[in-house]
Protein backbone atom coordinates (compact mmCIF):
# COMPACT_ATOMS: atom_id res chain seq x y z
CA UNK A 1 -96.01 -17.58 19.85
CA UNK A 2 -93.10 -17.79 17.92
CA UNK A 3 -92.55 -15.78 15.11
CA UNK A 4 -89.10 -14.74 13.33
CA UNK A 5 -87.46 -11.66 13.53
CA UNK A 6 -86.49 -10.66 10.16
CA UNK A 7 -86.90 -12.59 7.11
CA UNK A 8 -84.20 -14.17 5.08
CA UNK A 9 -84.47 -11.41 2.46
CA UNK A 10 -84.18 -8.40 5.53
CA UNK A 11 -81.86 -10.28 6.93
CA UNK A 12 -79.63 -10.38 3.94
CA UNK A 13 -80.23 -6.63 3.27
CA UNK A 14 -78.91 -5.92 6.66
CA UNK A 15 -75.43 -7.90 6.27
CA UNK A 16 -74.78 -5.99 2.82
CA UNK A 17 -75.32 -2.32 4.16
CA UNK A 18 -73.14 -2.98 7.21
CA UNK A 19 -70.85 -4.92 5.27
CA UNK A 20 -70.63 -1.40 3.22
CA UNK A 21 -70.85 0.37 5.96
CA UNK A 22 -68.02 -1.26 8.00
CA UNK A 23 -65.09 -0.37 5.21
CA UNK A 24 -62.34 -2.17 5.32
CA UNK A 25 -60.58 -0.90 8.24
CA UNK A 26 -57.71 -3.42 9.03
CA UNK A 27 -54.62 -4.01 10.84
CA UNK A 28 -51.31 -3.20 8.55
CA UNK A 29 -48.64 -5.71 8.30
CA UNK A 30 -46.11 -3.40 9.68
CA UNK A 31 -48.18 -1.38 12.55
CA UNK A 32 -47.14 1.31 11.41
CA UNK A 33 -43.30 0.94 12.15
CA UNK A 34 -42.25 1.55 8.32
CA UNK A 35 -42.27 5.00 8.67
CA UNK A 36 -39.80 4.93 11.74
CA UNK A 37 -37.70 2.18 10.13
CA UNK A 38 -37.62 4.20 6.64
CA UNK A 39 -36.44 7.57 8.75
CA UNK A 40 -33.96 5.71 10.29
CA UNK A 41 -32.86 4.04 6.85
CA UNK A 42 -32.72 7.96 5.08
CA UNK A 43 -31.41 10.07 7.81
CA UNK A 44 -29.37 8.15 9.95
CA UNK A 45 -28.15 5.19 7.54
CA UNK A 46 -29.04 2.94 10.71
CA UNK A 47 -31.60 -0.34 11.38
CA UNK A 48 -34.60 0.44 13.00
CA UNK A 49 -36.58 -2.45 14.68
CA UNK A 50 -39.46 -3.60 16.81
CA UNK A 51 -38.45 -6.09 19.15
CA UNK A 52 -41.94 -8.40 19.52
CA UNK A 53 -40.62 -12.21 19.48
CA UNK A 54 -38.08 -14.28 20.71
CA UNK A 55 -36.34 -14.42 17.17
CA UNK A 56 -36.31 -10.51 17.20
CA UNK A 57 -34.71 -10.66 20.49
CA UNK A 58 -31.85 -13.02 19.18
CA UNK A 59 -31.60 -11.15 16.19
CA UNK A 60 -30.56 -8.03 18.13
CA UNK A 61 -28.47 -9.78 20.45
CA UNK A 62 -26.23 -11.24 17.73
CA UNK A 63 -25.98 -7.96 15.98
CA UNK A 64 -25.23 -6.39 19.12
CA UNK A 65 -22.36 -9.10 19.66
CA UNK A 66 -20.79 -8.30 16.47
CA UNK A 67 -21.17 -4.10 16.89
CA UNK A 68 -19.43 -4.85 20.53
CA UNK A 69 -16.71 -7.52 19.13
CA UNK A 70 -14.13 -4.08 17.79
CA UNK A 71 -13.67 -0.60 19.57
CA UNK A 72 -16.66 0.92 19.42
CA UNK A 73 -17.55 3.78 16.89
CA UNK A 74 -19.90 6.28 16.70
CA UNK A 75 -22.32 4.80 14.22
CA UNK A 76 -21.78 2.10 16.05
CA UNK A 77 -22.97 3.43 18.87
CA UNK A 78 -25.84 5.05 17.35
CA UNK A 79 -26.98 1.55 15.91
CA UNK A 80 -26.83 -0.11 19.48
CA UNK A 81 -28.51 2.56 20.73
CA UNK A 82 -31.61 1.77 18.18
CA UNK A 83 -31.50 -1.86 18.73
CA UNK A 84 -31.34 -1.78 22.49
CA UNK A 85 -32.99 1.11 23.93
CA UNK A 86 -35.64 -0.03 25.98
CA UNK A 87 -37.34 3.55 26.06
CA UNK A 88 -37.39 3.54 22.91
CA UNK A 89 -38.92 0.28 22.35
CA UNK A 90 -41.86 1.34 25.03
CA UNK A 91 -42.51 4.27 22.89
CA UNK A 92 -43.16 2.11 19.66
CA UNK A 93 -46.15 0.72 21.68
CA UNK A 94 -47.85 3.77 20.82
CA UNK A 95 -47.75 2.68 17.55
CA UNK A 96 -49.94 -0.03 18.70
CA UNK A 97 -52.46 1.49 20.55
CA UNK A 98 -53.32 4.09 17.59
CA UNK A 99 -53.55 1.56 15.19
CA UNK A 100 -56.24 0.12 17.43
CA UNK A 101 -58.09 3.56 17.96
CA UNK A 102 -57.94 3.36 14.28
CA UNK A 103 -59.26 0.48 13.56
CA UNK A 104 -62.03 0.50 16.40
CA UNK A 105 -63.16 3.64 14.91
CA UNK A 106 -63.74 2.06 11.54
CA UNK A 107 -66.13 -0.58 13.07
CA UNK A 108 -69.85 -0.34 13.34
CA UNK A 109 -71.35 -0.28 16.76
CA UNK A 110 -72.74 -3.79 17.83
CA UNK A 111 -76.12 -3.72 17.53
CA UNK A 112 -78.34 -4.36 20.70
CA UNK A 113 -80.95 -7.05 20.85
CA UNK A 114 -83.90 -7.10 23.78
CA UNK A 115 -86.61 -9.71 24.48
CA UNK A 116 -88.95 -9.51 27.27
CA UNK A 117 -92.04 -12.13 28.45
CA UNK A 118 -94.43 -10.67 30.94
CA UNK A 119 -97.85 -11.94 32.04
CA UNK A 120 -100.41 -10.81 34.27
CA UNK A 121 -103.61 -12.47 35.00
CA UNK A 122 -104.89 -13.95 31.59
CA UNK A 123 -102.54 -11.83 29.28
CA UNK A 124 -99.17 -12.71 28.11
CA UNK A 125 -96.77 -10.40 26.37
CA UNK A 126 -93.68 -11.11 24.39
CA UNK A 127 -91.66 -8.27 23.11
CA UNK A 128 -88.49 -8.22 20.98
CA UNK A 129 -86.55 -5.37 19.59
CA UNK A 130 -83.58 -4.89 17.72
CA UNK A 131 -81.40 -1.46 18.21
CA UNK A 132 -78.64 -0.21 16.17
CA UNK A 133 -76.71 3.55 17.20
CA UNK A 134 -77.73 5.17 14.18
CA UNK A 135 -75.29 8.20 15.58
CA UNK A 136 -72.11 5.96 15.04
CA UNK A 137 -72.86 4.71 11.80
CA UNK A 138 -73.35 8.32 10.60
CA UNK A 139 -70.40 9.37 11.93
CA UNK A 140 -68.20 6.18 11.17
CA UNK A 141 -66.35 8.16 7.84
CA UNK A 142 -65.50 11.12 9.74
CA UNK A 143 -64.04 9.41 12.75
CA UNK A 144 -62.04 6.61 10.89
CA UNK A 145 -61.05 9.89 8.82
CA UNK A 146 -59.62 11.78 12.13
CA UNK A 147 -58.16 8.80 13.70
CA UNK A 148 -56.36 7.85 10.74
CA UNK A 149 -54.81 11.60 11.22
CA UNK A 150 -53.72 10.67 14.64
CA UNK A 151 -52.28 7.51 13.51
CA UNK A 152 -50.05 9.06 10.95
CA UNK A 153 -49.03 11.71 13.86
CA UNK A 154 -48.14 8.65 16.37
CA UNK A 155 -45.95 7.61 13.26
CA UNK A 156 -44.31 11.05 12.75
CA UNK A 157 -43.73 10.94 16.81
CA UNK A 158 -42.24 7.61 17.17
CA UNK A 159 -39.58 8.83 14.27
CA UNK A 160 -38.67 11.78 16.17
CA UNK A 161 -38.19 9.76 19.18
CA UNK A 162 -36.01 7.03 17.47
CA UNK A 163 -33.90 10.42 16.17
CA UNK A 164 -33.89 11.93 19.10
CA UNK A 165 -32.34 8.41 20.92
CA UNK A 166 -29.98 8.42 18.52
CA UNK A 167 -28.80 12.18 19.32
CA UNK A 168 -28.93 11.24 23.05
CA UNK A 169 -26.21 8.32 21.70
CA UNK A 170 -23.93 10.38 20.15
CA UNK A 171 -23.89 13.08 23.08
CA UNK A 172 -23.19 10.17 25.39
CA UNK A 173 -20.26 8.86 22.82
CA UNK A 174 -18.53 11.74 22.43
CA UNK A 175 -18.71 12.79 26.19
CA UNK A 176 -17.49 9.15 26.89
CA UNK A 177 -14.57 8.93 24.59
CA UNK A 178 -13.46 12.86 25.61
CA UNK A 179 -13.44 11.83 29.21
CA UNK A 180 -11.39 8.34 28.56
CA UNK A 181 -8.79 10.55 26.46
CA UNK A 182 -8.85 13.37 29.36
CA UNK A 183 -8.36 10.55 32.06
CA UNK A 184 -5.58 8.79 29.94
CA UNK A 185 -3.76 12.42 29.86
CA UNK A 186 -4.27 13.16 33.03
CA UNK A 187 -2.30 10.14 33.73
CA UNK A 188 0.22 10.46 31.91
CA UNK A 189 0.59 14.71 33.53
CA UNK A 190 0.69 12.78 36.88
CA UNK A 191 2.89 10.55 35.87
CA UNK A 192 5.54 13.69 34.79
CA UNK A 193 4.39 15.51 38.12
CA UNK A 194 5.56 12.84 40.25
CA UNK A 195 8.85 12.58 38.52
CA UNK A 196 9.51 16.13 38.98
CA UNK A 197 8.61 15.90 42.54
CA UNK A 198 10.70 13.20 43.04
CA UNK A 199 13.87 15.28 41.11
CA UNK A 200 12.67 18.26 43.41
CA UNK A 201 13.15 16.29 46.52
CA UNK A 202 16.42 14.98 45.55
CA UNK A 203 18.04 18.32 44.53
CA UNK A 204 16.53 19.53 47.92
CA UNK A 205 18.35 17.00 49.63
CA UNK A 206 21.56 18.24 47.96
CA UNK A 207 21.04 21.45 48.74
CA UNK A 208 20.57 22.60 44.94
CA UNK A 209 17.12 23.94 45.55
CA UNK A 210 15.35 26.13 47.13
CA UNK A 211 12.45 25.58 49.59
CA UNK A 212 10.12 27.53 47.46
CA UNK A 213 10.74 25.55 44.01
CA UNK A 214 10.44 22.65 45.98
CA UNK A 215 7.02 23.44 47.23
CA UNK A 216 5.59 24.35 43.56
CA UNK A 217 6.76 20.83 42.24
CA UNK A 218 4.73 19.32 45.38
CA UNK A 219 1.82 21.48 44.62
CA UNK A 220 1.77 20.57 41.32
CA UNK A 221 2.14 16.93 41.77
CA UNK A 222 -0.45 16.71 44.03
CA UNK A 223 -3.03 18.78 42.11
CA UNK A 224 -2.40 16.30 39.30
CA UNK A 225 -3.17 13.37 41.62
CA UNK A 226 -6.73 14.80 42.56
CA UNK A 227 -7.18 15.70 38.77
CA UNK A 228 -6.57 12.49 37.59
CA UNK A 229 -9.05 10.85 40.38
CA UNK A 230 -11.82 13.52 39.29
CA UNK A 231 -10.97 12.72 35.45
CA UNK A 232 -11.04 9.26 36.35
CA UNK A 233 -14.77 9.17 37.81
CA UNK A 234 -15.84 11.74 35.22
CA UNK A 235 -15.08 8.90 32.82
CA UNK A 236 -16.64 6.43 34.57
CA UNK A 237 -19.92 8.49 34.54
CA UNK A 238 -19.50 9.44 31.00
CA UNK A 239 -19.25 5.83 30.34
CA UNK A 240 -22.19 4.97 32.55
CA UNK A 241 -24.46 7.70 30.41
CA UNK A 242 -23.45 5.64 27.00
CA UNK A 243 -24.20 2.52 28.58
CA UNK A 244 -27.62 3.52 29.58
CA UNK A 245 -28.25 4.83 26.06
CA UNK A 246 -26.94 2.20 24.19
CA UNK A 247 -29.59 -0.17 26.32
CA UNK A 248 -26.62 -2.88 27.16
CA UNK A 249 -26.31 -4.80 30.46
CA UNK A 250 -24.08 -7.64 31.92
CA UNK A 251 -21.27 -8.66 29.49
CA UNK A 252 -22.42 -6.15 27.13
CA UNK A 253 -20.76 -3.01 29.37
CA UNK A 254 -17.28 -4.15 28.67
CA UNK A 255 -17.09 -2.84 25.34
CA UNK A 256 -13.74 -1.27 24.41
CA UNK A 257 -13.79 2.88 23.19
CA UNK A 258 -11.10 4.74 21.03
CA UNK A 259 -8.48 6.34 22.37
CA UNK A 260 -9.19 9.86 20.91
CA UNK A 261 -12.44 11.33 19.23
CA UNK A 262 -12.55 11.58 15.47
CA UNK A 263 -10.55 14.21 14.36
CA UNK A 264 -11.75 17.61 13.02
CA UNK A 265 -12.49 18.13 9.57
CA UNK A 266 -10.25 20.16 7.43
CA UNK A 267 -12.86 22.34 6.48
CA UNK A 268 -16.22 23.32 7.92
CA UNK A 269 -19.22 22.66 4.93
CA UNK A 270 -21.27 25.87 4.13
CA UNK A 271 -24.65 25.32 5.26
CA UNK A 272 -27.24 27.55 3.91
CA UNK A 273 -30.92 27.80 4.18
CA UNK A 274 -31.05 25.75 7.16
CA UNK A 275 -34.23 27.39 8.42
CA UNK A 276 -36.30 26.16 5.77
CA UNK A 277 -34.59 22.73 5.20
CA UNK A 278 -35.55 22.28 9.11
CA UNK A 279 -39.22 23.09 8.33
CA UNK A 280 -39.56 20.65 6.08
CA UNK A 281 -37.33 18.07 7.29
CA UNK A 282 -38.43 18.33 11.33
CA UNK A 283 -41.14 15.56 12.61
CA UNK A 284 -42.24 17.28 15.37
CA UNK A 285 -43.43 20.29 13.50
CA UNK A 286 -44.97 17.47 10.44
CA UNK A 287 -46.84 15.79 13.89
CA UNK A 288 -48.34 19.13 15.52
CA UNK A 289 -49.95 20.27 11.59
CA UNK A 290 -51.32 16.63 11.68
CA UNK A 291 -52.36 17.02 15.31
CA UNK A 292 -54.17 21.03 14.37
CA UNK A 293 -55.96 19.06 11.42
CA UNK A 294 -57.02 16.69 13.31
CA UNK A 295 -58.62 18.80 15.70
CA UNK A 296 -60.46 20.82 12.83
CA UNK A 297 -61.70 17.63 11.97
CA UNK A 298 -63.33 17.06 15.27
CA UNK A 299 -64.68 20.73 15.06
CA UNK A 300 -66.70 19.85 12.21
CA UNK A 301 -68.02 16.65 13.53
CA UNK A 302 -68.98 18.67 16.98
CA UNK A 303 -71.12 21.17 14.86
CA UNK A 304 -72.55 18.31 13.00
CA UNK A 305 -73.76 16.74 16.04
CA UNK A 306 -74.52 19.59 18.31
CA UNK A 307 -78.37 18.94 18.72
CA UNK A 308 -78.07 15.24 18.55
CA UNK A 309 -76.35 13.42 21.58
CA UNK A 310 -77.71 10.36 21.29
CA UNK A 311 -79.78 8.82 18.10
CA UNK A 312 -80.86 4.94 18.35
CA UNK A 313 -83.43 3.37 15.59
CA UNK A 314 -84.31 -0.27 15.74
CA UNK A 315 -86.87 -2.82 14.49
CA UNK A 316 -89.50 -3.87 16.70
CA UNK A 317 -91.31 -7.21 16.99
CA UNK A 318 -93.83 -7.73 19.77
CA UNK A 319 -96.84 -10.33 20.10
CA UNK A 320 -99.25 -9.82 22.74
CA UNK A 321 -101.82 -12.71 22.92
CA UNK A 322 -105.08 -10.40 23.68
CA UNK A 323 -103.98 -8.11 20.51
CA UNK A 324 -102.15 -10.21 17.78
CA UNK A 325 -98.79 -9.44 16.70
CA UNK A 326 -97.25 -5.76 16.11
CA UNK A 327 -94.96 -4.73 14.03
CA UNK A 328 -92.77 -1.45 13.15
CA UNK A 329 -89.72 0.79 14.54
CA UNK A 330 -88.95 3.44 16.70
CA UNK A 331 -86.57 5.88 17.05
CA UNK A 332 -85.16 7.69 20.33
CA UNK A 333 -83.64 11.22 20.51
CA UNK A 334 -82.98 13.25 23.13
CA UNK A 335 -84.81 16.88 22.94
CA UNK A 336 -82.21 19.79 23.27
CA UNK A 337 -84.22 21.58 25.90
CA UNK A 338 -81.58 22.24 28.11
CA UNK A 339 -78.69 21.33 26.30
CA UNK A 340 -78.70 23.14 23.16
CA UNK A 341 -74.58 21.89 22.06
CA UNK A 342 -72.91 25.45 22.29
CA UNK A 343 -70.78 24.61 24.91
CA UNK A 344 -69.35 21.17 23.09
CA UNK A 345 -68.63 23.45 19.97
CA UNK A 346 -67.16 26.24 21.74
CA UNK A 347 -64.59 23.64 23.88
CA UNK A 348 -63.89 22.15 20.70
CA UNK A 349 -63.04 25.52 19.10
CA UNK A 350 -60.87 26.67 21.74
CA UNK A 351 -59.06 23.45 21.67
CA UNK A 352 -58.43 24.07 18.13
CA UNK A 353 -56.99 27.85 18.64
CA UNK A 354 -54.76 25.83 21.13
CA UNK A 355 -53.60 23.60 18.64
CA UNK A 356 -53.15 25.95 16.08
CA UNK A 357 -51.04 28.18 18.41
CA UNK A 358 -48.62 25.29 19.68
CA UNK A 359 -47.87 24.63 16.06
CA UNK A 360 -46.76 28.14 15.79
CA UNK A 361 -44.93 28.01 18.76
CA UNK A 362 -42.83 24.61 17.47
CA UNK A 363 -42.05 26.27 14.27
CA UNK A 364 -41.19 29.43 15.94
CA UNK A 365 -38.89 27.45 18.40
CA UNK A 366 -37.34 25.11 15.75
CA UNK A 367 -35.97 27.98 13.54
CA UNK A 368 -34.47 29.76 17.03
CA UNK A 369 -32.77 26.30 17.67
CA UNK A 370 -31.67 26.15 14.34
CA UNK A 371 -29.83 29.29 14.55
CA UNK A 372 -29.04 28.42 17.96
CA UNK A 373 -27.15 25.69 16.79
CA UNK A 374 -25.41 27.05 13.98
CA UNK A 375 -24.16 29.48 15.53
CA UNK A 376 -22.66 27.26 18.29
CA UNK A 377 -21.29 25.18 15.39
CA UNK A 378 -19.48 27.45 13.69
CA UNK A 379 -18.16 28.86 16.82
CA UNK A 380 -17.02 25.59 18.17
CA UNK A 381 -15.37 24.53 14.87
CA UNK A 382 -13.24 28.02 14.73
CA UNK A 383 -12.06 27.32 18.59
CA UNK A 384 -11.29 23.83 17.82
CA UNK A 385 -9.26 24.37 14.84
CA UNK A 386 -7.51 27.43 16.55
CA UNK A 387 -6.32 24.97 19.26
CA UNK A 388 -5.48 22.44 16.17
CA UNK A 389 -3.71 24.70 14.05
CA UNK A 390 -2.37 27.78 16.41
CA UNK A 391 -2.21 26.65 20.40
CA UNK A 392 -0.98 23.19 20.08
CA UNK A 393 1.71 23.57 17.50
CA UNK A 394 3.23 26.59 19.00
CA UNK A 395 3.10 24.66 22.25
CA UNK A 396 4.79 21.59 20.36
CA UNK A 397 7.17 24.16 19.22
CA UNK A 398 8.32 25.86 22.43
CA UNK A 399 8.98 22.48 24.06
CA UNK A 400 10.84 21.10 20.93
CA UNK A 401 13.12 24.43 21.40
CA UNK A 402 13.45 24.21 25.10
CA UNK A 403 14.66 20.29 24.67
CA UNK A 404 17.56 21.36 22.09
CA UNK A 405 17.94 23.97 24.76
CA UNK A 406 18.54 21.07 27.67
CA UNK A 407 20.50 18.93 24.91
CA UNK A 408 22.75 21.95 24.65
CA UNK A 409 22.67 22.53 28.11
CA UNK A 410 21.39 26.17 27.55
CA UNK A 411 18.26 25.20 29.17
CA UNK A 412 17.78 23.79 32.99
CA UNK A 413 15.62 20.72 33.84
CA UNK A 414 13.07 23.38 35.92
CA UNK A 415 12.25 25.13 32.29
CA UNK A 416 11.27 21.53 31.57
CA UNK A 417 9.12 21.47 34.34
CA UNK A 418 7.48 24.69 33.90
CA UNK A 419 6.94 24.00 30.06
CA UNK A 420 5.15 20.53 30.85
CA UNK A 421 2.81 22.46 33.07
CA UNK A 422 1.67 25.12 30.59
CA UNK A 423 1.21 22.04 28.40
CA UNK A 424 -1.42 20.88 30.04
CA UNK A 425 -4.13 23.61 29.75
CA UNK A 426 -3.35 23.48 26.67
CA UNK A 427 -3.90 19.82 25.58
CA UNK A 428 -7.15 20.04 27.85
CA UNK A 429 -8.48 22.98 26.13
CA UNK A 430 -8.18 21.39 22.72
CA UNK A 431 -9.61 17.97 24.17
CA UNK A 432 -12.72 20.35 25.48
CA UNK A 433 -12.78 21.94 22.03
CA UNK A 434 -12.88 18.85 19.91
CA UNK A 435 -15.59 17.71 22.34
CA UNK A 436 -17.99 20.88 22.22
CA UNK A 437 -17.99 20.88 18.27
CA UNK A 438 -18.73 17.27 17.80
CA UNK A 439 -21.69 17.86 20.60
CA UNK A 440 -22.66 20.97 18.49
CA UNK A 441 -22.93 18.86 15.19
CA UNK A 442 -24.81 16.35 16.97
CA UNK A 443 -26.89 19.03 18.00
CA UNK A 444 -27.60 21.04 15.16
CA UNK A 445 -28.31 17.92 13.11
CA UNK A 446 -30.85 17.25 15.50
CA UNK A 447 -32.23 20.72 15.12
CA UNK A 448 -32.74 20.47 11.45
CA UNK A 449 -34.52 17.38 11.60
CA UNK A 450 -31.97 14.05 12.65
CA UNK A 451 -29.50 14.79 9.52
CA UNK A 452 -27.78 17.88 7.68
CA UNK A 453 -28.60 19.00 4.26
CA UNK A 454 -27.03 15.85 1.67
CA UNK A 455 -24.51 18.38 0.17
CA UNK A 456 -23.05 19.34 3.51
CA UNK A 457 -22.88 15.91 4.55
CA UNK A 458 -20.85 14.87 1.27
CA UNK A 459 -18.16 17.67 2.16
CA UNK A 460 -18.23 16.72 6.20
CA UNK A 461 -17.06 13.48 4.45
CA UNK A 462 -13.87 14.77 2.68
CA UNK A 463 -10.65 14.44 3.76
CA UNK A 464 -9.74 15.02 7.40
CA UNK A 465 -6.41 16.75 9.62
CA UNK A 466 -4.17 14.76 11.11
CA UNK A 467 -4.28 14.59 14.97
CA UNK A 468 -2.39 17.14 16.93
CA UNK A 469 -2.63 16.32 20.70
CA UNK A 470 0.41 16.36 22.15
CA UNK A 471 0.85 14.22 25.30
CA UNK A 472 3.08 15.11 28.67
CA UNK A 473 5.63 12.20 27.68
CA UNK A 474 8.45 14.27 26.86
CA UNK A 475 8.50 16.03 30.48
CA UNK A 476 8.39 12.46 32.16
CA UNK A 477 11.28 11.48 29.81
CA UNK A 478 13.09 14.52 30.68
CA UNK A 479 13.15 14.00 34.21
CA UNK A 480 14.09 10.70 33.92
CA UNK A 481 17.16 11.63 32.54
CA UNK A 482 17.81 14.14 35.40
CA UNK A 483 17.59 11.81 37.60
């Protein structure tokens, strides 16, 4: 009654065949993260890490503490964000999911074995069946190819997510430093306005100041107090946004920022053929193309299997007490009587057209983003340069001339107070213009794929101009002298 299911030779042949069909799809050592780390190194000159172990966390914490031990630069903020941003680390998990799907697609379906023993009356029936899904075997190479492309797409998307976090960190850093700079200047303006209001009060009490002029000084001081409170809150909000982007908490949030934004470059680098550069470098476009290729492969698979929805082949070894042993095999196929697979193919074709149009949309939007970002980059540079080279120097010249006239008793203290109020708008406008330029450069970098063309980067690293952002301190000193 007992009989081996397969002979030794059959088992060996089956093992060899299954080994050849299974291929060599295994998990990679880096889990697909090499694409992310290479992109960070080449495009940002930064390190991207995948935190998985306690050793990784300790290394990240040590590196972060070293960067926070000094006033934070823009590059340091980007590096800290790449090390600590939890949302970015969560996006890296997609690499593991996609690779698991790839490995699974490269493995044969498990065979099935069934055994039954029945008896009725004087008859005993024993059935042994070994089955293997042939459809899964036949489509294994194509399924592996499709999942391989999806894995490559996931790598590109993970690298693109890393570049976006880097850009967000730059924006948050620019906003935080500009807000602190504006708050510091607002504090100087408030001190100056307070001194002016006190001087006006004393002069009115002495009968040397009209009620109207006194009210003007008091109104300026009141506005300065409100503006200081507003700028301080904006500074807190901008700093917390930077903290969130960098993924810091606890003692790590007590970092120091520089007093002012980086200076405007002396010359704006010429950027040519940015649209072509973006088409070659943007990772979202490359990922969209791979998605379309995967869909096209899936469409071919759908056409090849439109009539075969389930196909199983198996070796059968049955033993009955009445008829002896029966050997052979069996094949089961779904008969396409009602469903000929046309809806399956139509669905795949619709998905392909959807994917192809999305690739085109991504490319069109990318080109438009490059043009828009470049226009803002050029305009914001010109505006900031205008404030640096024209408006602020003129305001400083006026202040210097008024101070000379005041020292020569040719100008009154009230003219100095009026000039102090005029300085406020010019300096605040310069701070905003400088912030807008650095934000525009960040947007342009992201629009073309995370970095500017190499020649533009080399040009941008040339000698910088000297800062030109006067404070309101001279007016405050003048008020003290007038007391």
